């Protein structure tokens, strides 16, 4: 099942309000979803976004793919940078572990 982070339109006509949701990629835009991880209100001048950073990073680590719009929202709120930095530190830790295992095998 391909999971996506995307927007679900709420609000009335001419007054849009969006929820950032986790959904199966095959479900319709305003259809069934797995979890709500934030909101986006384009009508506000400031504080347009509210996101649950830990939940979003967890879903991204589990393989969820953000749409272009959600990715730009995550970039503006700083969540995307945190996700990328946590991903690079995990890679660095695994390469260190692998290199120490190789050196211990050579010494033995």
C-alpha atoms as a PDB file:
ATOM      1  CA  UNK A   1       0.000   0.000   0.000  1.00  0.00           C
ATOM      2  CA  UNK A   2       1.485   3.346  -1.066  1.00  0.00           C
ATOM      3  CA  UNK A   3       0.961   5.954   1.631  1.00  0.00           C
ATOM      4  CA  UNK A   4       0.992   9.687   0.909  1.00  0.00           C
ATOM      5  CA  UNK A   5       0.989  12.869   2.949  1.00  0.00           C
ATOM      6  CA  UNK A   6      -1.478  15.166   1.222  1.00  0.00           C
ATOM      7  CA  UNK A   7      -4.116  17.856   1.675  1.00  0.00           C
ATOM      8  CA  UNK A   8      -7.811  17.297   2.359  1.00  0.00           C
ATOM      9  CA  UNK A   9     -10.026  20.284   1.526  1.00  0.00           C
ATOM     10  CA  UNK A  10     -12.403  21.457   4.229  1.00  0.00           C
ATOM     11  CA  UNK A  11     -14.349  24.679   4.731  1.00  0.00           C
ATOM     12  CA  UNK A  12     -17.090  26.220   2.658  1.00  0.00           C
ATOM     13  CA  UNK A  13     -17.217  27.731  -0.793  1.00  0.00           C
ATOM     14  CA  UNK A  14     -14.692  30.577  -1.261  1.00  0.00           C
ATOM     15  CA  UNK A  15     -13.234  29.854   2.229  1.00  0.00           C
ATOM     16  CA  UNK A  16     -10.817  26.946   1.879  1.00  0.00           C
ATOM     17  CA  UNK A  17      -9.219  25.225   4.837  1.00  0.00           C
ATOM     18  CA  UNK A  18      -6.995  22.160   4.494  1.00  0.00           C
ATOM     19  CA  UNK A  19      -5.982  19.297   6.725  1.00  0.00           C
ATOM     20  CA  UNK A  20      -2.665  17.549   6.162  1.00  0.00           C
ATOM     21  CA  UNK A  21      -3.519  13.860   6.219  1.00  0.00           C
ATOM     22  CA  UNK A  22      -1.887  10.480   5.777  1.00  0.00           C
ATOM     23  CA  UNK A  23      -3.840   8.443   3.225  1.00  0.00           C
ATOM     24  CA  UNK A  24      -3.567   5.562   0.818  1.00  0.00           C
ATOM     25  CA  UNK A  25      -2.632   6.933  -2.585  1.00  0.00           C
ATOM     26  CA  UNK A  26      -5.631   5.216  -4.195  1.00  0.00           C
ATOM     27  CA  UNK A  27      -8.256   6.906  -1.994  1.00  0.00           C
ATOM     28  CA  UNK A  28     -10.009  10.071  -3.256  1.00  0.00           C
ATOM     29  CA  UNK A  29      -8.933  13.583  -2.195  1.00  0.00           C
ATOM     30  CA  UNK A  30     -11.617  14.036   0.458  1.00  0.00           C
ATOM     31  CA  UNK A  31     -12.151  10.323   1.081  1.00  0.00           C
ATOM     32  CA  UNK A  32     -10.895   7.851   3.637  1.00  0.00           C
ATOM     33  CA  UNK A  33      -7.630   8.608   5.428  1.00  0.00           C
ATOM     34  CA  UNK A  34      -5.378   7.055   8.058  1.00  0.00           C
ATOM     35  CA  UNK A  35      -4.411  10.007  10.277  1.00  0.00           C
ATOM     36  CA  UNK A  36      -4.535  13.800  10.491  1.00  0.00           C
ATOM     37  CA  UNK A  37      -1.087  15.303  11.071  1.00  0.00           C
ATOM     38  CA  UNK A  38      -1.647  19.039  10.590  1.00  0.00           C
ATOM     39  CA  UNK A  39      -3.646  21.906   9.143  1.00  0.00           C
ATOM     40  CA  UNK A  40      -3.160  24.657   6.578  1.00  0.00           C
ATOM     41  CA  UNK A  41      -5.274  27.814   6.367  1.00  0.00           C
ATOM     42  CA  UNK A  42      -4.354  29.932   3.313  1.00  0.00           C
ATOM     43  CA  UNK A  43      -6.657  32.797   4.383  1.00  0.00           C
ATOM     44  CA  UNK A  44      -4.583  33.746   7.436  1.00  0.00           C
ATOM     45  CA  UNK A  45      -1.741  36.238   7.104  1.00  0.00           C
ATOM     46  CA  UNK A  46       0.417  34.653   9.810  1.00  0.00           C
ATOM     47  CA  UNK A  47       0.499  31.243  11.503  1.00  0.00           C
ATOM     48  CA  UNK A  48      -0.978  29.485   8.469  1.00  0.00           C
ATOM     49  CA  UNK A  49       0.365  26.068   9.419  1.00  0.00           C
ATOM     50  CA  UNK A  50       0.071  23.789  12.404  1.00  0.00           C
ATOM     51  CA  UNK A  51       1.861  20.450  12.137  1.00  0.00           C
ATOM     52  CA  UNK A  52       2.560  17.501  14.427  1.00  0.00           C
ATOM     53  CA  UNK A  53       6.284  17.188  13.772  1.00  0.00           C
ATOM     54  CA  UNK A  54       6.925  13.866  15.511  1.00  0.00           C
ATOM     55  CA  UNK A  55       4.038  12.113  13.747  1.00  0.00           C
ATOM     56  CA  UNK A  56       5.060  13.482  10.354  1.00  0.00           C
ATOM     57  CA  UNK A  57       8.685  12.400  10.799  1.00  0.00           C
ATOM     58  CA  UNK A  58       7.486   8.951  11.903  1.00  0.00           C
ATOM     59  CA  UNK A  59       5.342   8.584   8.778  1.00  0.00           C
ATOM     60  CA  UNK A  60       8.180   9.802   6.546  1.00  0.00           C
ATOM     61  CA  UNK A  61      10.564   7.294   8.135  1.00  0.00           C
ATOM     62  CA  UNK A  62       7.978   4.564   7.473  1.00  0.00           C
ATOM     63  CA  UNK A  63       7.976   5.420   3.768  1.00  0.00           C
ATOM     64  CA  UNK A  64       5.124   7.890   3.280  1.00  0.00           C
ATOM     65  CA  UNK A  65       5.657  10.195   0.293  1.00  0.00           C
ATOM     66  CA  UNK A  66       4.565  13.859   0.556  1.00  0.00           C
ATOM     67  CA  UNK A  67       2.899  15.597  -2.376  1.00  0.00           C
ATOM     68  CA  UNK A  68       4.599  18.696  -3.797  1.00  0.00           C
ATOM     69  CA  UNK A  69       2.368  21.087  -1.843  1.00  0.00           C
ATOM     70  CA  UNK A  70       2.805  19.243   1.448  1.00  0.00           C
ATOM     71  CA  UNK A  71       6.560  19.057   0.861  1.00  0.00           C
ATOM     72  CA  UNK A  72       6.690  22.851   0.461  1.00  0.00           C
ATOM     73  CA  UNK A  73       4.653  23.269   3.671  1.00  0.00           C
ATOM     74  CA  UNK A  74       7.035  20.943   5.519  1.00  0.00           C
ATOM     75  CA  UNK A  75       9.993  22.923   4.148  1.00  0.00           C
ATOM     76  CA  UNK A  76       8.514  26.230   5.338  1.00  0.00           C
ATOM     77  CA  UNK A  77       7.821  24.869   8.824  1.00  0.00           C
ATOM     78  CA  UNK A  78      11.268  23.247   9.114  1.00  0.00           C
ATOM     79  CA  UNK A  79      10.042  19.666   9.454  1.00  0.00           C
ATOM     80  CA  UNK A  80      11.602  18.585   6.147  1.00  0.00           C
ATOM     81  CA  UNK A  81      15.060  19.752   7.275  1.00  0.00           C
ATOM     82  CA  UNK A  82      14.699  17.824  10.561  1.00  0.00           C
ATOM     83  CA  UNK A  83      13.676  14.717   8.636  1.00  0.00           C
ATOM     84  CA  UNK A  84      16.634  14.995   6.246  1.00  0.00           C
ATOM     85  CA  UNK A  85      19.105  15.582   9.084  1.00  0.00           C
ATOM     86  CA  UNK A  86      17.788  12.610  11.058  1.00  0.00           C
ATOM     87  CA  UNK A  87      18.044  10.476   7.942  1.00  0.00           C
ATOM     88  CA  UNK A  88      21.689  11.445   7.316  1.00  0.00           C
ATOM     89  CA  UNK A  89      22.674  10.793  10.947  1.00  0.00           C
ATOM     90  CA  UNK A  90      21.153   7.302  10.725  1.00  0.00           C
ATOM     91  CA  UNK A  91      23.181   6.593   7.585  1.00  0.00           C
ATOM     92  CA  UNK A  92      26.352   7.862   9.268  1.00  0.00           C
ATOM     93  CA  UNK A  93      25.719   5.673  12.321  1.00  0.00           C
ATOM     94  CA  UNK A  94      25.176   2.559  10.225  1.00  0.00           C
ATOM     95  CA  UNK A  95      28.348   3.162   8.197  1.00  0.00           C
ATOM     96  CA  UNK A  96      30.328   3.628  11.426  1.00  0.00           C
ATOM     97  CA  UNK A  97      28.942   0.351  12.776  1.00  0.00           C
ATOM     98  CA  UNK A  98      29.776  -1.439   9.541  1.00  0.00           C
ATOM     99  CA  UNK A  99      33.329  -0.067   9.496  1.00  0.00           C
ATOM    100  CA  UNK A 100      33.939  -1.064  13.132  1.00  0.00           C
ATOM    101  CA  UNK A 101      32.667  -4.578  12.407  1.00  0.00           C
ATOM    102  CA  UNK A 102      35.063  -4.876   9.471  1.00  0.00           C
ATOM    103  CA  UNK A 103      38.036  -3.708  11.551  1.00  0.00           C
ATOM    104  CA  UNK A 104      37.229  -6.129  14.379  1.00  0.00           C
ATOM    105  CA  UNK A 105      37.019  -9.023  11.894  1.00  0.00           C
ATOM    106  CA  UNK A 106      40.388  -8.072  10.395  1.00  0.00           C
ATOM    107  CA  UNK A 107      41.988  -7.909  13.844  1.00  0.00           C
ATOM    108  CA  UNK A 108      40.653 -11.316  14.876  1.00  0.00           C
END
